[in-house]
Amino acid sequence: MTYAVAASAVAATTAPDSSGALIDRAHLTQMTLGDAALEREILSLFDRQSELLLERMRALPPAAVSTLAHTLKGSARGVGAWNVARAAEAVELADGTLAEFRAAIERLGVEIGATRALIAEMLRTH
């Protein structure tokens, strides 16, 4: 089973953290089976992927963004970045005005920025 498949399976059955934490560390530990090296690798991959996907979403017209937002939502759920997942889902489902879409992208950017800052700290101290 690939990481993406395993992440989707667990994410679908795990309730989001309600503490407001940017990364649900218990969920991340569950996903990595407590393997600190794997946790670091997955966080690094998510960090790079979220930055890249956000850049692409900002450059594309709204009609072309849904698939990228869906991909990011799944990855965010896999690492327990519930705020990013919710913001990506809002972008994925945005079908209103251009202003609504841009606001959703902006919110996603804020959530990704905060989460990437936490990941950088986790990788420095972990």
C-alpha atoms as a PDB file:
ATOM      1  CA  MET A   1       0.000   0.000   0.000  1.00  0.00           C
ATOM      2  CA  THR A   2       1.466   3.360  -0.966  1.00  0.00           C
ATOM      3  CA  TYR A   3       1.684   6.264   1.451  1.00  0.00           C
ATOM      4  CA  ALA A   4      -0.980   8.190  -0.487  1.00  0.00           C
ATOM      5  CA  VAL A   5      -3.429   5.289  -0.291  1.00  0.00           C
ATOM      6  CA  ALA A   6      -2.704   4.687   3.390  1.00  0.00           C
ATOM      7  CA  ALA A   7      -3.020   8.387   4.130  1.00  0.00           C
ATOM      8  CA  SER A   8      -6.366   8.577   2.375  1.00  0.00           C
ATOM      9  CA  ALA A   9      -7.681   5.532   4.221  1.00  0.00           C
ATOM     10  CA  VAL A  10      -6.694   6.803   7.654  1.00  0.00           C
ATOM     11  CA  ALA A  11      -7.643  10.413   6.936  1.00  0.00           C
ATOM     12  CA  ALA A  12     -11.103   9.323   5.887  1.00  0.00           C
ATOM     13  CA  THR A  13     -11.651   7.570   9.206  1.00  0.00           C
ATOM     14  CA  THR A  14      -9.926  10.015  11.553  1.00  0.00           C
ATOM     15  CA  ALA A  15     -11.719  13.044  12.924  1.00  0.00           C
ATOM     16  CA  PRO A  16      -9.876  16.354  12.612  1.00  0.00           C
ATOM     17  CA  ASP A  17      -8.137  17.709  15.676  1.00  0.00           C
ATOM     18  CA  SER A  18     -10.330  20.274  17.404  1.00  0.00           C
ATOM     19  CA  SER A  19      -7.529  21.871  19.439  1.00  0.00           C
ATOM     20  CA  GLY A  20      -6.702  24.392  16.721  1.00  0.00           C
ATOM     21  CA  ALA A  21      -3.196  22.986  16.297  1.00  0.00           C
ATOM     22  CA  LEU A  22      -1.709  23.534  12.854  1.00  0.00           C
ATOM     23  CA  ILE A  23      -0.470  19.935  12.748  1.00  0.00           C
ATOM     24  CA  ASP A  24      -2.313  17.196  14.608  1.00  0.00           C
ATOM     25  CA  ARG A  25       0.771  15.495  16.022  1.00  0.00           C
ATOM     26  CA  ALA A  26      -1.116  12.456  17.293  1.00  0.00           C
ATOM     27  CA  HIS A  27      -2.486  11.887  13.801  1.00  0.00           C
ATOM     28  CA  LEU A  28       0.946  12.389  12.247  1.00  0.00           C
ATOM     29  CA  THR A  29       2.458   9.901  14.683  1.00  0.00           C
ATOM     30  CA  GLN A  30      -0.275   7.407  13.817  1.00  0.00           C
ATOM     31  CA  MET A  31       0.338   7.891  10.102  1.00  0.00           C
ATOM     32  CA  THR A  32       4.096   7.373  10.474  1.00  0.00           C
ATOM     33  CA  LEU A  33       3.768   4.536  12.991  1.00  0.00           C
ATOM     34  CA  GLY A  34       5.931   6.571  15.360  1.00  0.00           C
ATOM     35  CA  ASP A  35       8.903   6.575  12.975  1.00  0.00           C
ATOM     36  CA  ALA A  36      10.586   9.963  13.498  1.00  0.00           C
ATOM     37  CA  ALA A  37      12.618   9.728  10.277  1.00  0.00           C
ATOM     38  CA  LEU A  38       9.480   9.009   8.254  1.00  0.00           C
ATOM     39  CA  GLU A  39       7.693  11.878   9.998  1.00  0.00           C
ATOM     40  CA  ARG A  40      10.487  14.273   8.994  1.00  0.00           C
ATOM     41  CA  GLU A  41      10.421  13.002   5.416  1.00  0.00           C
ATOM     42  CA  ILE A  42       6.651  13.347   5.109  1.00  0.00           C
ATOM     43  CA  LEU A  43       6.663  16.827   6.641  1.00  0.00           C
ATOM     44  CA  SER A  44       9.429  17.888   4.242  1.00  0.00           C
ATOM     45  CA  LEU A  45       7.479  16.539   1.273  1.00  0.00           C
ATOM     46  CA  PHE A  46       4.281  18.245   2.400  1.00  0.00           C
ATOM     47  CA  ASP A  47       6.158  21.505   2.921  1.00  0.00           C
ATOM     48  CA  ARG A  48       7.485  21.494  -0.638  1.00  0.00           C
ATOM     49  CA  GLN A  49       4.253  20.218  -2.185  1.00  0.00           C
ATOM     50  CA  SER A  50       2.048  22.792  -0.481  1.00  0.00           C
ATOM     51  CA  GLU A  51       4.281  25.652  -1.626  1.00  0.00           C
ATOM     52  CA  LEU A  52       4.388  24.360  -5.203  1.00  0.00           C
ATOM     53  CA  LEU A  53       0.652  23.686  -5.461  1.00  0.00           C
ATOM     54  CA  LEU A  54      -0.230  27.095  -4.017  1.00  0.00           C
ATOM     55  CA  GLU A  55       2.024  28.807  -6.556  1.00  0.00           C
ATOM     56  CA  ARG A  56       0.353  26.880  -9.378  1.00  0.00           C
ATOM     57  CA  MET A  57      -3.151  27.619  -8.082  1.00  0.00           C
ATOM     58  CA  ARG A  58      -2.394  31.337  -7.923  1.00  0.00           C
ATOM     59  CA  ALA A  59      -1.212  31.283 -11.554  1.00  0.00           C
ATOM     60  CA  LEU A  60      -4.134  29.344 -13.033  1.00  0.00           C
ATOM     61  CA  PRO A  61      -7.691  30.381 -13.832  1.00  0.00           C
ATOM     62  CA  PRO A  62     -10.284  29.219 -11.276  1.00  0.00           C
ATOM     63  CA  ALA A  63     -11.624  26.441 -13.524  1.00  0.00           C
ATOM     64  CA  ALA A  64      -8.197  24.779 -13.616  1.00  0.00           C
ATOM     65  CA  VAL A  65      -7.544  24.765  -9.856  1.00  0.00           C
ATOM     66  CA  SER A  66      -9.978  22.187  -8.447  1.00  0.00           C
ATOM     67  CA  THR A  67      -7.755  19.144  -9.039  1.00  0.00           C
ATOM     68  CA  LEU A  68      -4.738  20.817  -7.449  1.00  0.00           C
ATOM     69  CA  ALA A  69      -6.806  21.857  -4.431  1.00  0.00           C
ATOM     70  CA  HIS A  70      -8.140  18.313  -4.100  1.00  0.00           C
ATOM     71  CA  THR A  71      -4.600  16.906  -4.170  1.00  0.00           C
ATOM     72  CA  LEU A  72      -3.482  19.351  -1.496  1.00  0.00           C
ATOM     73  CA  LYS A  73      -6.531  18.569   0.647  1.00  0.00           C
ATOM     74  CA  GLY A  74      -5.645  14.872   0.654  1.00  0.00           C
ATOM     75  CA  SER A  75      -2.013  15.511   1.500  1.00  0.00           C
ATOM     76  CA  ALA A  76      -2.954  17.902   4.293  1.00  0.00           C
ATOM     77  CA  ARG A  77      -5.307  15.324   5.780  1.00  0.00           C
ATOM     78  CA  GLY A  78      -2.509  12.765   5.624  1.00  0.00           C
ATOM     79  CA  VAL A  79      -0.224  14.841   7.849  1.00  0.00           C
ATOM     80  CA  GLY A  80      -2.986  16.183  10.079  1.00  0.00           C
ATOM     81  CA  ALA A  81      -2.888  19.752   8.748  1.00  0.00           C
ATOM     82  CA  TRP A  82      -6.643  20.138   9.166  1.00  0.00           C
ATOM     83  CA  ASN A  83      -6.739  23.930   8.641  1.00  0.00           C
ATOM     84  CA  VAL A  84      -4.924  23.561   5.319  1.00  0.00           C
ATOM     85  CA  ALA A  85      -7.251  20.708   4.357  1.00  0.00           C
ATOM     86  CA  ARG A  86     -10.362  22.803   5.074  1.00  0.00           C
ATOM     87  CA  ALA A  87      -8.940  25.803   3.208  1.00  0.00           C
ATOM     88  CA  ALA A  88      -7.990  23.614   0.222  1.00  0.00           C
ATOM     89  CA  GLU A  89     -11.492  22.160   0.204  1.00  0.00           C
ATOM     90  CA  ALA A  90     -12.947  25.683   0.134  1.00  0.00           C
ATOM     91  CA  VAL A  91     -10.832  26.404  -2.948  1.00  0.00           C
ATOM     92  CA  GLU A  92     -11.824  23.084  -4.505  1.00  0.00           C
ATOM     93  CA  LEU A  93     -15.515  23.822  -4.047  1.00  0.00           C
ATOM     94  CA  ALA A  94     -15.417  27.560  -4.820  1.00  0.00           C
ATOM     95  CA  ASP A  95     -17.895  28.142  -7.601  1.00  0.00           C
ATOM     96  CA  GLY A  96     -19.015  31.657  -6.803  1.00  0.00           C
ATOM     97  CA  THR A  97     -17.553  34.919  -7.917  1.00  0.00           C
ATOM     98  CA  LEU A  98     -13.945  35.570  -8.815  1.00  0.00           C
ATOM     99  CA  ALA A  99     -13.648  37.579  -5.593  1.00  0.00           C
ATOM    100  CA  GLU A 100     -14.844  34.555  -3.576  1.00  0.00           C
ATOM    101  CA  PHE A 101     -12.326  32.337  -5.325  1.00  0.00           C
ATOM    102  CA  ARG A 102      -9.486  34.789  -4.702  1.00  0.00           C
ATOM    103  CA  ALA A 103     -10.478  35.056  -1.039  1.00  0.00           C
ATOM    104  CA  ALA A 104     -10.386  31.251  -0.753  1.00  0.00           C
ATOM    105  CA  ILE A 105      -6.934  31.154  -2.355  1.00  0.00           C
ATOM    106  CA  GLU A 106      -5.762  33.896   0.014  1.00  0.00           C
ATOM    107  CA  ARG A 107      -7.050  32.005   3.049  1.00  0.00           C
ATOM    108  CA  LEU A 108      -5.306  28.878   1.784  1.00  0.00           C
ATOM    109  CA  GLY A 109      -2.087  30.862   1.442  1.00  0.00           C
ATOM    110  CA  VAL A 110      -2.349  32.071   5.043  1.00  0.00           C
ATOM    111  CA  GLU A 111      -2.959  28.548   6.341  1.00  0.00           C
ATOM    112  CA  ILE A 112      -0.104  27.120   4.286  1.00  0.00           C
ATOM    113  CA  GLY A 113       2.243  29.875   5.463  1.00  0.00           C
ATOM    114  CA  ALA A 114       1.474  29.263   9.125  1.00  0.00           C
ATOM    115  CA  THR A 115       1.743  25.493   8.718  1.00  0.00           C
ATOM    116  CA  ARG A 116       5.025  25.724   6.785  1.00  0.00           C
ATOM    117  CA  ALA A 117       6.466  27.909   9.566  1.00  0.00           C
ATOM    118  CA  LEU A 118       5.516  25.263  12.117  1.00  0.00           C
ATOM    119  CA  ILE A 119       6.967  22.499   9.947  1.00  0.00           C
ATOM    120  CA  ALA A 120      10.243  24.426   9.656  1.00  0.00           C
ATOM    121  CA  GLU A 121      10.360  24.686  13.459  1.00  0.00           C
ATOM    122  CA  MET A 122       9.497  20.996  13.881  1.00  0.00           C
ATOM    123  CA  LEU A 123      12.231  19.995  11.460  1.00  0.00           C
ATOM    124  CA  ARG A 124      14.788  22.193  13.238  1.00  0.00           C
ATOM    125  CA  THR A 125      14.011  20.816  16.678  1.00  0.00           C
ATOM    126  CA  HIS A 126      12.996  17.263  15.876  1.00  0.00           C
END
